[in-house]
């Protein structure tokens, strides 16, 4: 029977081999991604435990709530990932490359391991959207009125953005 240290070494070697086989020549930090998933799951578990301990009940969202949360998640995820004003949050994890559209930056993720994973979460609105949507869900449980106001504001901003794009498109159509 192998000792606990030998068994641990065997597991480590196997994980290293699987990681190397998966990555090939690429740089895909599986361990750091697993760590990020662990942080997410632990956070959700902690929020669930806190809700239970504090006697909070889970809301029964209406379709309007879901639509408002979707708009807020969309707008906040783009604000975090692309907005010039939030670039100081991303700077330790990215390199500025230019702009990609109206009020949006193009940034390249830099670093390895955890630094790379955090950079990817911060620069990808699809990636950080999961975390943001979960934060909104937690807000609805623990601070429903404040969260409702924040999500309504962010959804209004998303609607305003859409109207800006439609106006530009209409101006281009009339000018042609």
C-alpha atoms as a PDB file:
ATOM      1  CA  UNK A   1       0.000   0.000   0.000  1.00  0.00           C
ATOM      2  CA  UNK A   2       1.532   3.348  -1.018  1.00  0.00           C
ATOM      3  CA  UNK A   3       2.060   6.016   1.612  1.00  0.00           C
ATOM      4  CA  UNK A   4      -0.078   9.180   1.481  1.00  0.00           C
ATOM      5  CA  UNK A   5       2.928  11.096   0.113  1.00  0.00           C
ATOM      6  CA  UNK A   6       3.441   8.534  -2.658  1.00  0.00           C
ATOM      7  CA  UNK A   7      -0.228   8.605  -3.553  1.00  0.00           C
ATOM      8  CA  UNK A   8      -0.140  12.405  -3.608  1.00  0.00           C
ATOM      9  CA  UNK A   9       2.927  12.355  -5.867  1.00  0.00           C
ATOM     10  CA  UNK A  10       1.195   9.918  -8.216  1.00  0.00           C
ATOM     11  CA  UNK A  11      -1.870  12.163  -8.429  1.00  0.00           C
ATOM     12  CA  UNK A  12       0.316  15.244  -9.062  1.00  0.00           C
ATOM     13  CA  UNK A  13       2.234  13.479 -11.836  1.00  0.00           C
ATOM     14  CA  UNK A  14      -0.997  12.318 -13.434  1.00  0.00           C
ATOM     15  CA  UNK A  15      -2.486  15.822 -13.299  1.00  0.00           C
ATOM     16  CA  UNK A  16       0.700  17.261 -14.791  1.00  0.00           C
ATOM     17  CA  UNK A  17       0.593  14.707 -17.613  1.00  0.00           C
ATOM     18  CA  UNK A  18      -3.069  15.421 -18.349  1.00  0.00           C
ATOM     19  CA  UNK A  19      -2.418  19.158 -18.332  1.00  0.00           C
ATOM     20  CA  UNK A  20       0.537  18.774 -20.717  1.00  0.00           C
ATOM     21  CA  UNK A  21      -1.448  16.477 -23.021  1.00  0.00           C
ATOM     22  CA  UNK A  22      -4.367  18.916 -23.076  1.00  0.00           C
ATOM     23  CA  UNK A  23      -2.302  22.062 -23.679  1.00  0.00           C
ATOM     24  CA  UNK A  24       0.057  20.756 -26.294  1.00  0.00           C
ATOM     25  CA  UNK A  25       2.103  23.785 -27.348  1.00  0.00           C
ATOM     26  CA  UNK A  26      -0.482  26.273 -26.041  1.00  0.00           C
ATOM     27  CA  UNK A  27      -0.701  28.238 -22.836  1.00  0.00           C
ATOM     28  CA  UNK A  28      -3.952  27.210 -21.205  1.00  0.00           C
ATOM     29  CA  UNK A  29      -3.537  27.263 -17.402  1.00  0.00           C
ATOM     30  CA  UNK A  30      -5.927  24.498 -16.365  1.00  0.00           C
ATOM     31  CA  UNK A  31      -4.894  24.692 -12.716  1.00  0.00           C
ATOM     32  CA  UNK A  32      -5.659  28.403 -12.570  1.00  0.00           C
ATOM     33  CA  UNK A  33      -8.994  27.861 -14.309  1.00  0.00           C
ATOM     34  CA  UNK A  34      -9.802  25.160 -11.753  1.00  0.00           C
ATOM     35  CA  UNK A  35      -8.867  27.625  -9.023  1.00  0.00           C
ATOM     36  CA  UNK A  36     -11.203  30.264 -10.484  1.00  0.00           C
ATOM     37  CA  UNK A  37     -14.011  27.702 -10.605  1.00  0.00           C
ATOM     38  CA  UNK A  38     -13.272  26.803  -6.988  1.00  0.00           C
ATOM     39  CA  UNK A  39     -13.474  30.454  -5.935  1.00  0.00           C
ATOM     40  CA  UNK A  40     -16.774  30.828  -7.784  1.00  0.00           C
ATOM     41  CA  UNK A  41     -18.296  27.681  -6.269  1.00  0.00           C
ATOM     42  CA  UNK A  42     -17.064  28.603  -2.777  1.00  0.00           C
ATOM     43  CA  UNK A  43     -18.526  32.085  -3.160  1.00  0.00           C
ATOM     44  CA  UNK A  44     -21.898  30.739  -4.259  1.00  0.00           C
ATOM     45  CA  UNK A  45     -21.878  28.220  -1.396  1.00  0.00           C
ATOM     46  CA  UNK A  46     -21.015  30.985   1.096  1.00  0.00           C
ATOM     47  CA  UNK A  47     -23.812  33.184  -0.241  1.00  0.00           C
ATOM     48  CA  UNK A  48     -26.252  30.287  -0.016  1.00  0.00           C
ATOM     49  CA  UNK A  49     -25.198  29.553   3.575  1.00  0.00           C
ATOM     50  CA  UNK A  50     -25.445  33.242   4.511  1.00  0.00           C
ATOM     51  CA  UNK A  51     -28.932  33.440   3.005  1.00  0.00           C
ATOM     52  CA  UNK A  52     -30.033  30.359   4.901  1.00  0.00           C
ATOM     53  CA  UNK A  53     -28.506  31.513   8.205  1.00  0.00           C
ATOM     54  CA  UNK A  54     -30.078  34.953   7.896  1.00  0.00           C
ATOM     55  CA  UNK A  55     -33.481  33.494   7.029  1.00  0.00           C
ATOM     56  CA  UNK A  56     -33.586  35.129   3.599  1.00  0.00           C
ATOM     57  CA  UNK A  57     -36.032  33.671   1.158  1.00  0.00           C
ATOM     58  CA  UNK A  58     -35.244  33.221  -2.493  1.00  0.00           C
ATOM     59  CA  UNK A  59     -37.171  35.521  -4.813  1.00  0.00           C
ATOM     60  CA  UNK A  60     -39.562  34.329  -7.471  1.00  0.00           C
ATOM     61  CA  UNK A  61     -38.395  36.398 -10.455  1.00  0.00           C
ATOM     62  CA  UNK A  62     -40.868  37.654 -13.000  1.00  0.00           C
ATOM     63  CA  UNK A  63     -40.048  37.750 -16.715  1.00  0.00           C
ATOM     64  CA  UNK A  64     -39.583  41.518 -16.312  1.00  0.00           C
ATOM     65  CA  UNK A  65     -37.008  40.906 -13.545  1.00  0.00           C
ATOM     66  CA  UNK A  66     -35.074  38.491 -15.763  1.00  0.00           C
ATOM     67  CA  UNK A  67     -35.125  40.964 -18.659  1.00  0.00           C
ATOM     68  CA  UNK A  68     -33.891  43.768 -16.404  1.00  0.00           C
ATOM     69  CA  UNK A  69     -31.152  41.551 -14.915  1.00  0.00           C
ATOM     70  CA  UNK A  70     -30.089  40.486 -18.413  1.00  0.00           C
ATOM     71  CA  UNK A  71     -29.782  44.117 -19.497  1.00  0.00           C
ATOM     72  CA  UNK A  72     -27.837  44.995 -16.353  1.00  0.00           C
ATOM     73  CA  UNK A  73     -25.552  41.978 -16.700  1.00  0.00           C
ATOM     74  CA  UNK A  74     -24.876  42.846 -20.333  1.00  0.00           C
ATOM     75  CA  UNK A  75     -24.101  46.494 -19.626  1.00  0.00           C
ATOM     76  CA  UNK A  76     -21.988  45.906 -16.512  1.00  0.00           C
ATOM     77  CA  UNK A  77     -20.029  43.085 -18.140  1.00  0.00           C
ATOM     78  CA  UNK A  78     -19.112  45.373 -21.065  1.00  0.00           C
ATOM     79  CA  UNK A  79     -18.328  48.215 -18.673  1.00  0.00           C
ATOM     80  CA  UNK A  80     -15.913  45.978 -16.755  1.00  0.00           C
ATOM     81  CA  UNK A  81     -14.401  44.362 -19.868  1.00  0.00           C
ATOM     82  CA  UNK A  82     -14.171  47.160 -22.415  1.00  0.00           C
ATOM     83  CA  UNK A  83     -14.738  50.646 -21.020  1.00  0.00           C
ATOM     84  CA  UNK A  84     -11.797  53.089 -20.955  1.00  0.00           C
ATOM     85  CA  UNK A  85     -12.777  54.299 -17.474  1.00  0.00           C
ATOM     86  CA  UNK A  86     -12.360  50.804 -16.010  1.00  0.00           C
ATOM     87  CA  UNK A  87      -9.013  50.204 -17.733  1.00  0.00           C
ATOM     88  CA  UNK A  88      -7.087  50.784 -14.456  1.00  0.00           C
ATOM     89  CA  UNK A  89      -8.758  47.628 -13.108  1.00  0.00           C
ATOM     90  CA  UNK A  90      -7.559  45.633 -16.110  1.00  0.00           C
ATOM     91  CA  UNK A  91      -4.112  47.254 -16.501  1.00  0.00           C
ATOM     92  CA  UNK A  92      -2.203  44.801 -14.248  1.00  0.00           C
ATOM     93  CA  UNK A  93      -3.498  41.931 -16.393  1.00  0.00           C
ATOM     94  CA  UNK A  94      -3.582  43.401 -19.909  1.00  0.00           C
ATOM     95  CA  UNK A  95      -1.733  45.395 -22.535  1.00  0.00           C
ATOM     96  CA  UNK A  96      -3.482  48.232 -24.384  1.00  0.00           C
ATOM     97  CA  UNK A  97      -3.725  47.660 -28.152  1.00  0.00           C
ATOM     98  CA  UNK A  98      -6.184  50.301 -29.306  1.00  0.00           C
ATOM     99  CA  UNK A  99      -9.911  50.733 -29.662  1.00  0.00           C
ATOM    100  CA  UNK A 100     -12.507  48.356 -31.052  1.00  0.00           C
ATOM    101  CA  UNK A 101     -15.557  50.551 -31.262  1.00  0.00           C
ATOM    102  CA  UNK A 102     -17.286  53.505 -29.661  1.00  0.00           C
ATOM    103  CA  UNK A 103     -15.947  53.835 -26.107  1.00  0.00           C
ATOM    104  CA  UNK A 104     -14.448  50.332 -26.114  1.00  0.00           C
ATOM    105  CA  UNK A 105     -10.826  49.301 -25.791  1.00  0.00           C
ATOM    106  CA  UNK A 106      -8.904  46.432 -27.340  1.00  0.00           C
ATOM    107  CA  UNK A 107      -6.616  44.889 -24.744  1.00  0.00           C
ATOM    108  CA  UNK A 108      -4.443  41.806 -24.862  1.00  0.00           C
ATOM    109  CA  UNK A 109      -4.292  39.553 -21.811  1.00  0.00           C
ATOM    110  CA  UNK A 110      -0.760  39.158 -20.468  1.00  0.00           C
ATOM    111  CA  UNK A 111       0.920  36.929 -17.952  1.00  0.00           C
ATOM    112  CA  UNK A 112       0.536  33.292 -17.070  1.00  0.00           C
ATOM    113  CA  UNK A 113      -1.397  31.203 -14.597  1.00  0.00           C
ATOM    114  CA  UNK A 114      -3.635  33.157 -12.241  1.00  0.00           C
ATOM    115  CA  UNK A 115      -2.683  36.499 -13.788  1.00  0.00           C
ATOM    116  CA  UNK A 116      -3.784  35.272 -17.215  1.00  0.00           C
ATOM    117  CA  UNK A 117      -7.043  33.821 -15.895  1.00  0.00           C
ATOM    118  CA  UNK A 118      -7.945  37.041 -14.056  1.00  0.00           C
ATOM    119  CA  UNK A 119      -7.082  39.002 -17.199  1.00  0.00           C
ATOM    120  CA  UNK A 120      -9.363  36.804 -19.262  1.00  0.00           C
ATOM    121  CA  UNK A 121     -12.201  37.205 -16.763  1.00  0.00           C
ATOM    122  CA  UNK A 122     -11.777  40.977 -16.742  1.00  0.00           C
ATOM    123  CA  UNK A 123     -11.541  41.423 -20.521  1.00  0.00           C
ATOM    124  CA  UNK A 124     -14.213  38.993 -21.654  1.00  0.00           C
ATOM    125  CA  UNK A 125     -17.806  40.177 -21.148  1.00  0.00           C
ATOM    126  CA  UNK A 126     -19.041  36.632 -21.757  1.00  0.00           C
ATOM    127  CA  UNK A 127     -16.696  35.325 -19.041  1.00  0.00           C
ATOM    128  CA  UNK A 128     -17.353  37.954 -16.376  1.00  0.00           C
ATOM    129  CA  UNK A 129     -21.078  37.924 -17.142  1.00  0.00           C
ATOM    130  CA  UNK A 130     -21.517  34.740 -15.097  1.00  0.00           C
ATOM    131  CA  UNK A 131     -19.912  36.362 -12.073  1.00  0.00           C
ATOM    132  CA  UNK A 132     -21.912  39.562 -12.548  1.00  0.00           C
ATOM    133  CA  UNK A 133     -25.228  37.725 -12.963  1.00  0.00           C
ATOM    134  CA  UNK A 134     -24.464  35.785  -9.779  1.00  0.00           C
ATOM    135  CA  UNK A 135     -23.684  39.052  -7.988  1.00  0.00           C
ATOM    136  CA  UNK A 136     -27.009  40.461  -9.120  1.00  0.00           C
ATOM    137  CA  UNK A 137     -28.790  37.321  -7.880  1.00  0.00           C
ATOM    138  CA  UNK A 138     -27.060  37.707  -4.505  1.00  0.00           C
ATOM    139  CA  UNK A 139     -28.018  41.372  -4.443  1.00  0.00           C
ATOM    140  CA  UNK A 140     -31.654  40.476  -5.051  1.00  0.00           C
ATOM    141  CA  UNK A 141     -31.535  38.198  -2.008  1.00  0.00           C
ATOM    142  CA  UNK A 142     -29.597  40.475   0.368  1.00  0.00           C
ATOM    143  CA  UNK A 143     -30.396  44.018  -0.839  1.00  0.00           C
ATOM    144  CA  UNK A 144     -33.378  43.777  -3.182  1.00  0.00           C
ATOM    145  CA  UNK A 145     -34.328  47.473  -3.403  1.00  0.00           C
ATOM    146  CA  UNK A 146     -30.775  48.659  -4.017  1.00  0.00           C
ATOM    147  CA  UNK A 147     -30.195  45.893  -6.539  1.00  0.00           C
ATOM    148  CA  UNK A 148     -33.449  46.671  -8.325  1.00  0.00           C
ATOM    149  CA  UNK A 149     -32.409  50.326  -8.645  1.00  0.00           C
ATOM    150  CA  UNK A 150     -28.900  49.410  -9.857  1.00  0.00           C
ATOM    151  CA  UNK A 151     -30.167  46.883 -12.396  1.00  0.00           C
ATOM    152  CA  UNK A 152     -32.814  49.288 -13.683  1.00  0.00           C
ATOM    153  CA  UNK A 153     -30.155  51.973 -14.095  1.00  0.00           C
ATOM    154  CA  UNK A 154     -27.767  49.642 -15.935  1.00  0.00           C
ATOM    155  CA  UNK A 155     -30.575  48.350 -18.148  1.00  0.00           C
ATOM    156  CA  UNK A 156     -31.567  51.932 -18.977  1.00  0.00           C
ATOM    157  CA  UNK A 157     -27.943  52.589 -19.926  1.00  0.00           C
ATOM    158  CA  UNK A 158     -27.942  49.505 -22.174  1.00  0.00           C
ATOM    159  CA  UNK A 159     -31.136  50.787 -23.811  1.00  0.00           C
ATOM    160  CA  UNK A 160     -29.540  54.193 -24.268  1.00  0.00           C
ATOM    161  CA  UNK A 161     -26.518  52.585 -25.936  1.00  0.00           C
ATOM    162  CA  UNK A 162     -28.837  50.775 -28.321  1.00  0.00           C
ATOM    163  CA  UNK A 163     -30.597  54.027 -29.186  1.00  0.00           C
ATOM    164  CA  UNK A 164     -27.240  55.710 -29.866  1.00  0.00           C
ATOM    165  CA  UNK A 165     -26.304  52.952 -32.304  1.00  0.00           C
ATOM    166  CA  UNK A 166     -29.721  53.096 -33.987  1.00  0.00           C
ATOM    167  CA  UNK A 167     -29.460  56.877 -34.366  1.00  0.00           C
ATOM    168  CA  UNK A 168     -26.028  56.621 -35.986  1.00  0.00           C
ATOM    169  CA  UNK A 169     -27.329  53.914 -38.339  1.00  0.00           C
ATOM    170  CA  UNK A 170     -30.335  56.064 -39.263  1.00  0.00           C
ATOM    171  CA  UNK A 171     -28.116  59.110 -39.855  1.00  0.00           C
ATOM    172  CA  UNK A 172     -25.885  57.028 -42.125  1.00  0.00           C
ATOM    173  CA  UNK A 173     -28.918  55.763 -44.056  1.00  0.00           C
ATOM    174  CA  UNK A 174     -30.295  59.282 -44.580  1.00  0.00           C
ATOM    175  CA  UNK A 175     -26.891  60.677 -45.535  1.00  0.00           C
ATOM    176  CA  UNK A 176     -26.318  58.043 -48.240  1.00  0.00           C
END
